[in-house]
Amino acid sequence: MHDEQHLLAQCRQGNKDAFYLLVSPHLAKAYRLAFTILRSHHDAEDAIQNSLLEAYRTISENKEIHHFSSWFYRLVTHRAIDLARKLGKERQYTEISDVLPFLSNSHHLPVDEVVSKEEEQELLAHILKLDMKYRVVLVLYYYQNMKISEIAELLQIKEGTVKSRLFQARNLLYQSYQGQRKEELR
């Protein structure tokens, strides 16, 4: 694997292949991140494209980047949130099964072994209904396996805020499940 700082130096000299080598290992995870925030394939692609352009421009301007991967994920997160705000509306999905391939890594998560496919789809349907600030921390924590400190750094918020949002998101999911169960019993 190429050293990030070496690739950054090559990018600054105009080597486009070095830029490709620098960003390509991060694109799948960045896309899942943008998709989770925006809940739209098209908008996620726009957010990634904007992030790539901004990353290339920033590198070309010789701005200092110490940890490219965390910087790039933060950039993708901010561009996706900016785009979500610009669109000004939340999108709803009719087919939650379309979302599953993009949220899960190629690795098996512990939750995958315990929860059946139907229950996982139901859970994702509830997660996608949450406000963006709760949805983002849940997905980063549970589906992207990020630590609270990494999420705080990525979103540029305090660790306590991340913990609070995780707690609130879990409570909202529980309330959503309870509301659905009451409706099913009627």
N, C-alpha and C. Protein backbone atom coordinates (compact mmCIF):
# COMPACT_ATOMS: atom_id res chain seq x y z
N MET A 1 0.85 -1.19 0.00
CA MET A 1 0.00 0.00 0.00
C MET A 1 0.89 1.25 0.00
N HIS A 2 0.47 2.23 -0.75
CA HIS A 2 1.24 3.46 -0.86
C HIS A 2 1.05 4.32 0.37
N ASP A 3 2.08 5.00 0.76
CA ASP A 3 2.03 5.92 1.88
C ASP A 3 1.19 7.14 1.48
N GLU A 4 0.25 7.53 2.34
CA GLU A 4 -0.63 8.66 2.02
C GLU A 4 0.15 9.95 1.77
N GLN A 5 1.13 10.22 2.60
CA GLN A 5 1.90 11.46 2.44
C GLN A 5 2.66 11.48 1.12
N HIS A 6 3.17 10.31 0.71
CA HIS A 6 3.87 10.21 -0.57
C HIS A 6 2.89 10.46 -1.72
N LEU A 7 1.70 9.87 -1.62
CA LEU A 7 0.68 10.08 -2.66
C LEU A 7 0.22 11.54 -2.69
N LEU A 8 0.06 12.14 -1.52
CA LEU A 8 -0.31 13.55 -1.47
C LEU A 8 0.74 14.42 -2.16
N ALA A 9 2.01 14.11 -1.91
CA ALA A 9 3.10 14.87 -2.55
C ALA A 9 3.04 14.71 -4.07
N GLN A 10 2.76 13.49 -4.54
CA GLN A 10 2.65 13.27 -5.98
C GLN A 10 1.45 14.01 -6.57
N CYS A 11 0.35 14.03 -5.83
CA CYS A 11 -0.85 14.76 -6.28
C CYS A 11 -0.54 16.25 -6.43
N ARG A 12 0.20 16.78 -5.49
CA ARG A 12 0.56 18.20 -5.53
C ARG A 12 1.41 18.53 -6.76
N GLN A 13 2.09 17.51 -7.30
CA GLN A 13 2.90 17.69 -8.50
C GLN A 13 2.09 17.45 -9.77
N GLY A 14 0.78 17.20 -9.60
CA GLY A 14 -0.10 17.03 -10.76
C GLY A 14 -0.31 15.60 -11.20
N ASN A 15 0.11 14.63 -10.43
CA ASN A 15 -0.05 13.22 -10.79
C ASN A 15 -1.48 12.76 -10.47
N LYS A 16 -2.31 12.64 -11.49
CA LYS A 16 -3.71 12.25 -11.31
C LYS A 16 -3.85 10.78 -10.91
N ASP A 17 -2.92 9.94 -11.34
CA ASP A 17 -2.94 8.53 -10.93
C ASP A 17 -2.72 8.40 -9.42
N ALA A 18 -1.91 9.26 -8.87
CA ALA A 18 -1.67 9.25 -7.43
C ALA A 18 -2.94 9.63 -6.68
N PHE A 19 -3.69 10.58 -7.24
CA PHE A 19 -4.97 10.97 -6.62
C PHE A 19 -5.93 9.78 -6.62
N TYR A 20 -5.98 9.07 -7.74
CA TYR A 20 -6.83 7.88 -7.82
C TYR A 20 -6.42 6.85 -6.76
N LEU A 21 -5.12 6.59 -6.65
CA LEU A 21 -4.63 5.63 -5.64
C LEU A 21 -4.93 6.10 -4.23
N LEU A 22 -4.95 7.39 -4.02
CA LEU A 22 -5.21 7.95 -2.70
C LEU A 22 -6.67 7.80 -2.30
N VAL A 23 -7.59 8.08 -3.23
CA VAL A 23 -9.02 8.09 -2.88
C VAL A 23 -9.72 6.75 -3.09
N SER A 24 -9.27 5.95 -4.01
CA SER A 24 -10.02 4.73 -4.35
C SER A 24 -10.27 3.78 -3.18
N PRO A 25 -9.35 3.61 -2.23
CA PRO A 25 -9.66 2.71 -1.11
C PRO A 25 -10.78 3.24 -0.20
N HIS A 26 -11.10 4.51 -0.33
CA HIS A 26 -12.07 5.14 0.57
C HIS A 26 -13.44 5.36 -0.08
N LEU A 27 -13.57 5.12 -1.37
CA LEU A 27 -14.80 5.49 -2.07
C LEU A 27 -16.02 4.69 -1.64
N ALA A 28 -15.89 3.39 -1.43
CA ALA A 28 -17.06 2.58 -1.06
C ALA A 28 -17.61 3.01 0.29
N LYS A 29 -16.74 3.18 1.25
CA LYS A 29 -17.18 3.61 2.58
C LYS A 29 -17.74 5.03 2.53
N ALA A 30 -17.12 5.90 1.76
CA ALA A 30 -17.59 7.27 1.63
C ALA A 30 -18.98 7.29 0.97
N TYR A 31 -19.19 6.43 -0.01
CA TYR A 31 -20.50 6.37 -0.66
C TYR A 31 -21.57 5.90 0.32
N ARG A 32 -21.26 4.85 1.09
CA ARG A 32 -22.22 4.37 2.09
C ARG A 32 -22.57 5.47 3.09
N LEU A 33 -21.57 6.23 3.47
CA LEU A 33 -21.77 7.32 4.40
C LEU A 33 -22.69 8.39 3.80
N ALA A 34 -22.40 8.81 2.59
CA ALA A 34 -23.23 9.82 1.92
C ALA A 34 -24.64 9.30 1.66
N PHE A 35 -24.74 8.04 1.27
CA PHE A 35 -26.06 7.45 1.00
C PHE A 35 -26.91 7.41 2.26
N THR A 36 -26.29 7.09 3.38
CA THR A 36 -27.02 7.02 4.64
C THR A 36 -27.55 8.39 5.04
N ILE A 37 -26.80 9.40 4.80
CA ILE A 37 -27.23 10.75 5.15
C ILE A 37 -28.33 11.23 4.20
N LEU A 38 -28.15 10.98 2.92
CA LEU A 38 -29.04 11.54 1.90
C LEU A 38 -30.20 10.62 1.51
N ARG A 39 -30.03 9.32 1.71
CA ARG A 39 -31.04 8.31 1.37
C ARG A 39 -31.43 8.35 -0.11
N SER A 40 -30.48 8.67 -0.94
CA SER A 40 -30.70 8.72 -2.38
C SER A 40 -29.40 8.38 -3.08
N HIS A 41 -29.46 7.43 -4.01
CA HIS A 41 -28.26 7.04 -4.75
C HIS A 41 -27.71 8.23 -5.55
N HIS A 42 -28.61 8.93 -6.23
CA HIS A 42 -28.21 10.05 -7.07
C HIS A 42 -27.55 11.15 -6.24
N ASP A 43 -28.18 11.51 -5.12
CA ASP A 43 -27.63 12.57 -4.28
C ASP A 43 -26.32 12.14 -3.63
N ALA A 44 -26.20 10.87 -3.27
CA ALA A 44 -24.94 10.37 -2.69
C ALA A 44 -23.82 10.49 -3.72
N GLU A 45 -24.12 10.17 -4.97
CA GLU A 45 -23.12 10.30 -6.02
C GLU A 45 -22.71 11.77 -6.19
N ASP A 46 -23.68 12.68 -6.11
CA ASP A 46 -23.36 14.11 -6.20
C ASP A 46 -22.46 14.54 -5.05
N ALA A 47 -22.77 14.07 -3.84
CA ALA A 47 -21.96 14.43 -2.67
C ALA A 47 -20.54 13.90 -2.82
N ILE A 48 -20.40 12.68 -3.32
CA ILE A 48 -19.06 12.10 -3.52
C ILE A 48 -18.31 12.89 -4.59
N GLN A 49 -19.00 13.20 -5.67
CA GLN A 49 -18.35 13.96 -6.75
C GLN A 49 -17.88 15.33 -6.23
N ASN A 50 -18.73 16.02 -5.49
CA ASN A 50 -18.34 17.31 -4.92
C ASN A 50 -17.16 17.17 -3.96
N SER A 51 -17.18 16.09 -3.18
CA SER A 51 -16.09 15.84 -2.23
C SER A 51 -14.78 15.57 -2.96
N LEU A 52 -14.84 14.79 -4.03
CA LEU A 52 -13.63 14.49 -4.81
C LEU A 52 -13.06 15.75 -5.45
N LEU A 53 -13.93 16.58 -5.98
CA LEU A 53 -13.46 17.84 -6.59
C LEU A 53 -12.82 18.74 -5.54
N GLU A 54 -13.47 18.84 -4.38
CA GLU A 54 -12.93 19.68 -3.33
C GLU A 54 -11.61 19.10 -2.79
N ALA A 55 -11.55 17.79 -2.66
CA ALA A 55 -10.31 17.16 -2.20
C ALA A 55 -9.17 17.43 -3.17
N TYR A 56 -9.42 17.26 -4.45
CA TYR A 56 -8.39 17.50 -5.46
C TYR A 56 -7.93 18.96 -5.44
N ARG A 57 -8.89 19.86 -5.34
CA ARG A 57 -8.57 21.29 -5.31
C ARG A 57 -7.75 21.63 -4.06
N THR A 58 -8.14 21.07 -2.92
CA THR A 58 -7.44 21.34 -1.67
C THR A 58 -6.01 20.82 -1.72
N ILE A 59 -5.85 19.62 -2.25
CA ILE A 59 -4.50 19.04 -2.36
C ILE A 59 -3.66 19.86 -3.34
N SER A 60 -4.26 20.27 -4.45
CA SER A 60 -3.54 21.06 -5.46
C SER A 60 -3.09 22.41 -4.93
N GLU A 61 -3.85 22.94 -3.96
CA GLU A 61 -3.50 24.24 -3.37
C GLU A 61 -2.47 24.10 -2.25
N ASN A 62 -1.90 22.89 -2.12
CA ASN A 62 -0.84 22.61 -1.14
C ASN A 62 -1.26 22.80 0.31
N LYS A 63 -2.54 22.63 0.59
CA LYS A 63 -3.00 22.73 1.98
C LYS A 63 -2.57 21.47 2.72
N GLU A 64 -2.23 21.63 3.97
CA GLU A 64 -1.70 20.53 4.78
C GLU A 64 -2.82 19.58 5.19
N ILE A 65 -2.62 18.30 4.90
CA ILE A 65 -3.56 17.24 5.29
C ILE A 65 -2.73 16.16 5.97
N HIS A 66 -2.98 15.96 7.26
CA HIS A 66 -2.17 15.01 8.02
C HIS A 66 -2.70 13.58 7.91
N HIS A 67 -3.98 13.40 8.07
CA HIS A 67 -4.60 12.07 8.00
C HIS A 67 -5.67 12.12 6.92
N PHE A 68 -5.31 11.72 5.73
CA PHE A 68 -6.20 11.89 4.59
C PHE A 68 -7.53 11.18 4.79
N SER A 69 -7.53 9.94 5.25
CA SER A 69 -8.78 9.18 5.34
C SER A 69 -9.79 9.86 6.25
N SER A 70 -9.39 10.26 7.44
CA SER A 70 -10.35 10.91 8.34
C SER A 70 -10.76 12.27 7.80
N TRP A 71 -9.81 12.98 7.19
CA TRP A 71 -10.15 14.26 6.58
C TRP A 71 -11.15 14.06 5.44
N PHE A 72 -10.96 13.05 4.61
CA PHE A 72 -11.84 12.81 3.47
C PHE A 72 -13.24 12.40 3.93
N TYR A 73 -13.34 11.53 4.96
CA TYR A 73 -14.66 11.15 5.46
C TYR A 73 -15.39 12.34 6.08
N ARG A 74 -14.65 13.20 6.73
CA ARG A 74 -15.26 14.41 7.29
C ARG A 74 -15.77 15.30 6.16
N LEU A 75 -14.97 15.42 5.10
CA LEU A 75 -15.37 16.21 3.94
C LEU A 75 -16.64 15.64 3.31
N VAL A 76 -16.69 14.32 3.13
CA VAL A 76 -17.88 13.68 2.55
C VAL A 76 -19.10 13.92 3.44
N THR A 77 -18.91 13.76 4.74
CA THR A 77 -20.02 13.98 5.67
C THR A 77 -20.55 15.40 5.55
N HIS A 78 -19.66 16.37 5.53
CA HIS A 78 -20.09 17.76 5.45
C HIS A 78 -20.75 18.08 4.11
N ARG A 79 -20.22 17.55 3.01
CA ARG A 79 -20.84 17.81 1.71
C ARG A 79 -22.22 17.14 1.63
N ALA A 80 -22.36 15.96 2.20
CA ALA A 80 -23.66 15.28 2.20
C ALA A 80 -24.67 16.04 3.05
N ILE A 81 -24.23 16.52 4.21
CA ILE A 81 -25.14 17.31 5.06
C ILE A 81 -25.50 18.62 4.37
N ASP A 82 -24.53 19.26 3.72
CA ASP A 82 -24.81 20.49 2.98
C ASP A 82 -25.85 20.24 1.89
N LEU A 83 -25.69 19.13 1.18
CA LEU A 83 -26.63 18.80 0.10
C LEU A 83 -28.01 18.50 0.67
N ALA A 84 -28.06 17.80 1.79
CA ALA A 84 -29.35 17.50 2.43
C ALA A 84 -30.05 18.80 2.84
N ARG A 85 -29.30 19.73 3.37
CA ARG A 85 -29.88 21.03 3.75
C ARG A 85 -30.35 21.80 2.53
N LYS A 86 -29.56 21.73 1.46
CA LYS A 86 -29.91 22.43 0.22
C LYS A 86 -31.21 21.87 -0.36
N LEU A 87 -31.35 20.55 -0.30
CA LEU A 87 -32.56 19.93 -0.82
C LEU A 87 -33.76 20.27 0.05
N GLY A 88 -33.48 20.45 1.35
CA GLY A 88 -34.52 20.94 2.25
C GLY A 88 -35.63 19.97 2.55
N LYS A 89 -35.44 18.72 2.26
CA LYS A 89 -36.50 17.76 2.56
C LYS A 89 -35.89 16.39 2.80
N GLU A 90 -36.59 15.59 3.53
CA GLU A 90 -36.20 14.21 3.78
C GLU A 90 -36.86 13.34 2.73
N ARG A 91 -36.14 12.36 2.26
CA ARG A 91 -36.70 11.45 1.26
C ARG A 91 -37.14 10.16 1.93
N GLN A 92 -38.18 9.59 1.44
CA GLN A 92 -38.69 8.32 1.95
C GLN A 92 -38.43 7.24 0.91
N TYR A 93 -38.14 6.04 1.39
CA TYR A 93 -37.92 4.91 0.50
C TYR A 93 -39.11 4.00 0.54
N THR A 94 -39.47 3.49 -0.62
CA THR A 94 -40.53 2.51 -0.66
C THR A 94 -39.96 1.11 -0.49
N GLU A 95 -38.74 0.90 -0.92
CA GLU A 95 -38.10 -0.41 -0.81
C GLU A 95 -36.85 -0.31 0.05
N ILE A 96 -36.97 -0.72 1.29
CA ILE A 96 -35.83 -0.68 2.21
C ILE A 96 -34.77 -1.69 1.77
N SER A 97 -35.17 -2.75 1.09
CA SER A 97 -34.20 -3.76 0.65
C SER A 97 -33.16 -3.16 -0.30
N ASP A 98 -33.49 -2.05 -0.97
CA ASP A 98 -32.52 -1.36 -1.82
C ASP A 98 -31.40 -0.74 -1.01
N VAL A 99 -31.66 -0.45 0.26
CA VAL A 99 -30.70 0.23 1.11
C VAL A 99 -29.68 -0.73 1.68
N LEU A 100 -30.06 -1.95 1.96
CA LEU A 100 -29.21 -2.91 2.67
C LEU A 100 -27.82 -3.11 2.06
N PRO A 101 -27.69 -3.32 0.76
CA PRO A 101 -26.35 -3.56 0.23
C PRO A 101 -25.39 -2.40 0.43
N PHE A 102 -25.91 -1.19 0.54
CA PHE A 102 -25.04 -0.04 0.65
C PHE A 102 -24.65 0.28 2.08
N LEU A 103 -25.43 -0.18 3.05
CA LEU A 103 -25.10 0.09 4.44
C LEU A 103 -24.14 -0.92 5.02
N SER A 104 -24.26 -2.15 4.62
CA SER A 104 -23.40 -3.15 5.24
C SER A 104 -22.05 -3.18 4.55
N ASN A 105 -21.02 -3.39 5.35
CA ASN A 105 -19.69 -3.60 4.79
C ASN A 105 -19.67 -4.99 4.19
N SER A 106 -18.59 -5.34 3.55
CA SER A 106 -18.46 -6.70 3.05
C SER A 106 -18.18 -7.65 4.21
N HIS A 107 -17.88 -7.11 5.39
CA HIS A 107 -17.63 -7.92 6.57
C HIS A 107 -18.97 -8.22 7.25
N HIS A 108 -19.02 -9.33 7.95
CA HIS A 108 -20.21 -9.64 8.71
C HIS A 108 -20.18 -8.88 10.02
N LEU A 109 -21.25 -8.20 10.32
CA LEU A 109 -21.38 -7.51 11.58
C LEU A 109 -21.98 -8.47 12.60
N PRO A 110 -21.69 -8.29 13.89
CA PRO A 110 -22.29 -9.17 14.89
C PRO A 110 -23.81 -9.18 14.83
N VAL A 111 -24.39 -8.03 14.51
CA VAL A 111 -25.84 -7.95 14.46
C VAL A 111 -26.41 -8.82 13.32
N ASP A 112 -25.61 -9.02 12.25
CA ASP A 112 -26.07 -9.82 11.12
C ASP A 112 -26.33 -11.27 11.51
N GLU A 113 -25.56 -11.78 12.47
CA GLU A 113 -25.71 -13.17 12.87
C GLU A 113 -26.93 -13.35 13.77
N VAL A 114 -27.33 -12.32 14.47
CA VAL A 114 -28.41 -12.42 15.44
C VAL A 114 -29.77 -12.08 14.82
N VAL A 115 -29.77 -11.06 14.00
CA VAL A 115 -31.03 -10.53 13.48
C VAL A 115 -31.31 -11.11 12.10
N SER A 116 -32.51 -11.56 11.90
CA SER A 116 -32.87 -12.10 10.58
C SER A 116 -32.98 -10.98 9.56
N LYS A 117 -33.00 -11.35 8.29
CA LYS A 117 -33.06 -10.36 7.22
C LYS A 117 -34.31 -9.49 7.35
N GLU A 118 -35.41 -10.08 7.69
CA GLU A 118 -36.66 -9.31 7.83
C GLU A 118 -36.57 -8.30 8.97
N GLU A 119 -36.02 -8.73 10.08
CA GLU A 119 -35.87 -7.82 11.21
C GLU A 119 -34.88 -6.72 10.90
N GLU A 120 -33.84 -7.05 10.16
CA GLU A 120 -32.85 -6.05 9.77
C GLU A 120 -33.49 -5.01 8.86
N GLN A 121 -34.32 -5.45 7.94
CA GLN A 121 -35.00 -4.50 7.06
C GLN A 121 -35.94 -3.61 7.86
N GLU A 122 -36.62 -4.20 8.82
CA GLU A 122 -37.52 -3.42 9.67
C GLU A 122 -36.73 -2.38 10.47
N LEU A 123 -35.61 -2.78 11.02
CA LEU A 123 -34.76 -1.87 11.78
C LEU A 123 -34.28 -0.73 10.88
N LEU A 124 -33.81 -1.05 9.69
CA LEU A 124 -33.33 -0.01 8.77
C LEU A 124 -34.46 0.94 8.36
N ALA A 125 -35.65 0.41 8.22
CA ALA A 125 -36.78 1.28 7.89
C ALA A 125 -36.99 2.30 9.01
N HIS A 126 -36.87 1.86 10.25
CA HIS A 126 -37.02 2.77 11.38
C HIS A 126 -35.85 3.75 11.45
N ILE A 127 -34.64 3.29 11.20
CA ILE A 127 -33.47 4.16 11.23
C ILE A 127 -33.59 5.25 10.17
N LEU A 128 -34.01 4.89 8.97
CA LEU A 128 -34.10 5.85 7.88
C LEU A 128 -35.19 6.89 8.10
N LYS A 129 -36.11 6.62 9.03
CA LYS A 129 -37.15 7.59 9.36
C LYS A 129 -36.67 8.64 10.37
N LEU A 130 -35.55 8.37 11.03
CA LEU A 130 -35.03 9.29 12.04
C LEU A 130 -34.51 10.57 11.40
N ASP A 131 -34.45 11.62 12.21
CA ASP A 131 -33.80 12.86 11.76
C ASP A 131 -32.36 12.56 11.43
N MET A 132 -31.79 13.38 10.56
CA MET A 132 -30.45 13.15 10.07
C MET A 132 -29.42 13.08 11.20
N LYS A 133 -29.52 13.94 12.21
CA LYS A 133 -28.49 13.96 13.25
C LYS A 133 -28.45 12.66 14.04
N TYR A 134 -29.58 11.98 14.18
CA TYR A 134 -29.61 10.69 14.87
C TYR A 134 -29.21 9.55 13.92
N ARG A 135 -29.71 9.63 12.70
CA ARG A 135 -29.42 8.60 11.70
C ARG A 135 -27.92 8.49 11.44
N VAL A 136 -27.26 9.64 11.33
CA VAL A 136 -25.83 9.64 11.01
C VAL A 136 -25.02 8.96 12.11
N VAL A 137 -25.26 9.32 13.38
CA VAL A 137 -24.46 8.72 14.45
C VAL A 137 -24.75 7.23 14.60
N LEU A 138 -26.00 6.82 14.40
CA LEU A 138 -26.32 5.39 14.48
C LEU A 138 -25.59 4.60 13.40
N VAL A 139 -25.62 5.09 12.19
CA VAL A 139 -24.99 4.37 11.09
C VAL A 139 -23.47 4.36 11.24
N LEU A 140 -22.90 5.48 11.62
CA LEU A 140 -21.45 5.51 11.81
C LEU A 140 -21.02 4.55 12.93
N TYR A 141 -21.79 4.50 13.99
CA TYR A 141 -21.42 3.68 15.14
C TYR A 141 -21.67 2.20 14.89
N TYR A 142 -22.86 1.86 14.41
CA TYR A 142 -23.22 0.45 14.29
C TYR A 142 -22.89 -0.18 12.94
N TYR A 143 -22.99 0.58 11.86
CA TYR A 143 -22.77 -0.01 10.54
C TYR A 143 -21.37 0.26 9.99
N GLN A 144 -20.77 1.38 10.39
CA GLN A 144 -19.42 1.68 9.93
C GLN A 144 -18.39 1.34 11.01
N ASN A 145 -18.86 0.88 12.16
CA ASN A 145 -17.99 0.45 13.27
C ASN A 145 -16.99 1.51 13.71
N MET A 146 -17.44 2.74 13.74
CA MET A 146 -16.57 3.83 14.18
C MET A 146 -16.71 4.00 15.69
N LYS A 147 -15.63 4.43 16.33
CA LYS A 147 -15.64 4.72 17.75
C LYS A 147 -16.28 6.08 17.99
N ILE A 148 -16.75 6.29 19.21
CA ILE A 148 -17.39 7.56 19.55
C ILE A 148 -16.43 8.72 19.31
N SER A 149 -15.17 8.54 19.66
CA SER A 149 -14.19 9.61 19.45
C SER A 149 -14.00 9.91 17.96
N GLU A 150 -14.05 8.88 17.12
CA GLU A 150 -13.91 9.08 15.67
C GLU A 150 -15.12 9.81 15.10
N ILE A 151 -16.30 9.45 15.60
CA ILE A 151 -17.53 10.11 15.14
C ILE A 151 -17.49 11.58 15.53
N ALA A 152 -17.08 11.84 16.76
CA ALA A 152 -16.99 13.22 17.24
C ALA A 152 -16.04 14.03 16.38
N GLU A 153 -14.89 13.45 16.06
CA GLU A 153 -13.92 14.14 15.21
C GLU A 153 -14.48 14.36 13.81
N LEU A 154 -15.12 13.34 13.27
CA LEU A 154 -15.66 13.42 11.92
C LEU A 154 -16.73 14.50 11.81
N LEU A 155 -17.64 14.53 12.77
CA LEU A 155 -18.75 15.49 12.74
C LEU A 155 -18.40 16.82 13.39
N GLN A 156 -17.21 16.89 13.99
CA GLN A 156 -16.74 18.08 14.69
C GLN A 156 -17.72 18.50 15.79
N ILE A 157 -18.08 17.51 16.61
CA ILE A 157 -18.91 17.75 17.78
C ILE A 157 -18.24 17.07 18.96
N LYS A 158 -18.72 17.35 20.16
CA LYS A 158 -18.13 16.77 21.36
C LYS A 158 -18.55 15.30 21.49
N GLU A 159 -17.69 14.51 22.15
CA GLU A 159 -18.00 13.10 22.38
C GLU A 159 -19.29 12.95 23.16
N GLY A 160 -19.52 13.84 24.11
CA GLY A 160 -20.76 13.80 24.89
C GLY A 160 -21.98 13.99 24.01
N THR A 161 -21.86 14.81 23.00
CA THR A 161 -22.96 15.03 22.06
C THR A 161 -23.23 13.77 21.25
N VAL A 162 -22.17 13.08 20.84
CA VAL A 162 -22.33 11.81 20.12
C VAL A 162 -23.04 10.81 21.01
N LYS A 163 -22.60 10.68 22.25
CA LYS A 163 -23.23 9.74 23.19
C LYS A 163 -24.69 10.09 23.41
N SER A 164 -24.96 11.37 23.56
CA SER A 164 -26.34 11.83 23.76
C SER A 164 -27.21 11.50 22.56
N ARG A 165 -26.69 11.76 21.37
CA ARG A 165 -27.46 11.46 20.15
C ARG A 165 -27.69 9.96 19.97
N LEU A 166 -26.68 9.16 20.32
CA LEU A 166 -26.86 7.71 20.26
C LEU A 166 -27.95 7.27 21.23
N PHE A 167 -27.93 7.80 22.44
CA PHE A 167 -28.93 7.47 23.44
C PHE A 167 -30.32 7.87 22.96
N GLN A 168 -30.43 9.10 22.46
CA GLN A 168 -31.72 9.59 21.97
C GLN A 168 -32.19 8.79 20.76
N ALA A 169 -31.27 8.44 19.88
CA ALA A 169 -31.63 7.66 18.70
C ALA A 169 -32.16 6.29 19.09
N ARG A 170 -31.50 5.65 20.06
CA ARG A 170 -31.98 4.35 20.54
C ARG A 170 -33.38 4.48 21.13
N ASN A 171 -33.60 5.53 21.91
CA ASN A 171 -34.93 5.74 22.49
C ASN A 171 -35.98 5.99 21.41
N LEU A 172 -35.63 6.77 20.41
CA LEU A 172 -36.57 7.02 19.31
C LEU A 172 -36.88 5.74 18.55
N LEU A 173 -35.86 4.90 18.34
CA LEU A 173 -36.09 3.61 17.68
C LEU A 173 -37.02 2.73 18.51
N TYR A 174 -36.79 2.71 19.81
CA TYR A 174 -37.63 1.92 20.71
C TYR A 174 -39.08 2.41 20.65
N GLN A 175 -39.27 3.72 20.70
CA GLN A 175 -40.62 4.29 20.63
C GLN A 175 -41.28 3.97 19.30
N SER A 176 -40.50 4.02 18.23
CA SER A 176 -41.02 3.71 16.91
C SER A 176 -41.47 2.26 16.83
N TYR A 177 -40.64 1.36 17.38
CA TYR A 177 -41.01 -0.06 17.43
C TYR A 177 -42.27 -0.27 18.26
N GLN A 178 -42.33 0.38 19.40
CA GLN A 178 -43.50 0.22 20.27
C GLN A 178 -44.77 0.72 19.57
N GLY A 179 -44.67 1.84 18.88
CA GLY A 179 -45.82 2.36 18.14
C GLY A 179 -46.26 1.42 17.05
N GLN A 180 -45.30 0.80 16.37
CA GLN A 180 -45.63 -0.16 15.32
C GLN A 180 -46.29 -1.40 15.91
N ARG A 181 -45.78 -1.87 17.03
CA ARG A 181 -46.34 -3.07 17.68
C ARG A 181 -47.77 -2.83 18.12
N LYS A 182 -48.06 -1.63 18.66
CA LYS A 182 -49.42 -1.32 19.08
C LYS A 182 -50.36 -1.31 17.89
N GLU A 183 -49.89 -0.78 16.76
CA GLU A 183 -50.71 -0.76 15.55
C GLU A 183 -50.97 -2.17 15.04
N GLU A 184 -49.96 -3.04 15.15
CA GLU A 184 -50.12 -4.42 14.68
C GLU A 184 -51.12 -5.20 15.53
N LEU A 185 -51.22 -4.84 16.80
CA LEU A 185 -52.14 -5.54 17.70
C LEU A 185 -53.58 -5.10 17.52
N ARG A 186 -53.80 -3.98 16.89
CA ARG A 186 -55.18 -3.48 16.69
C ARG A 186 -55.90 -4.24 15.64
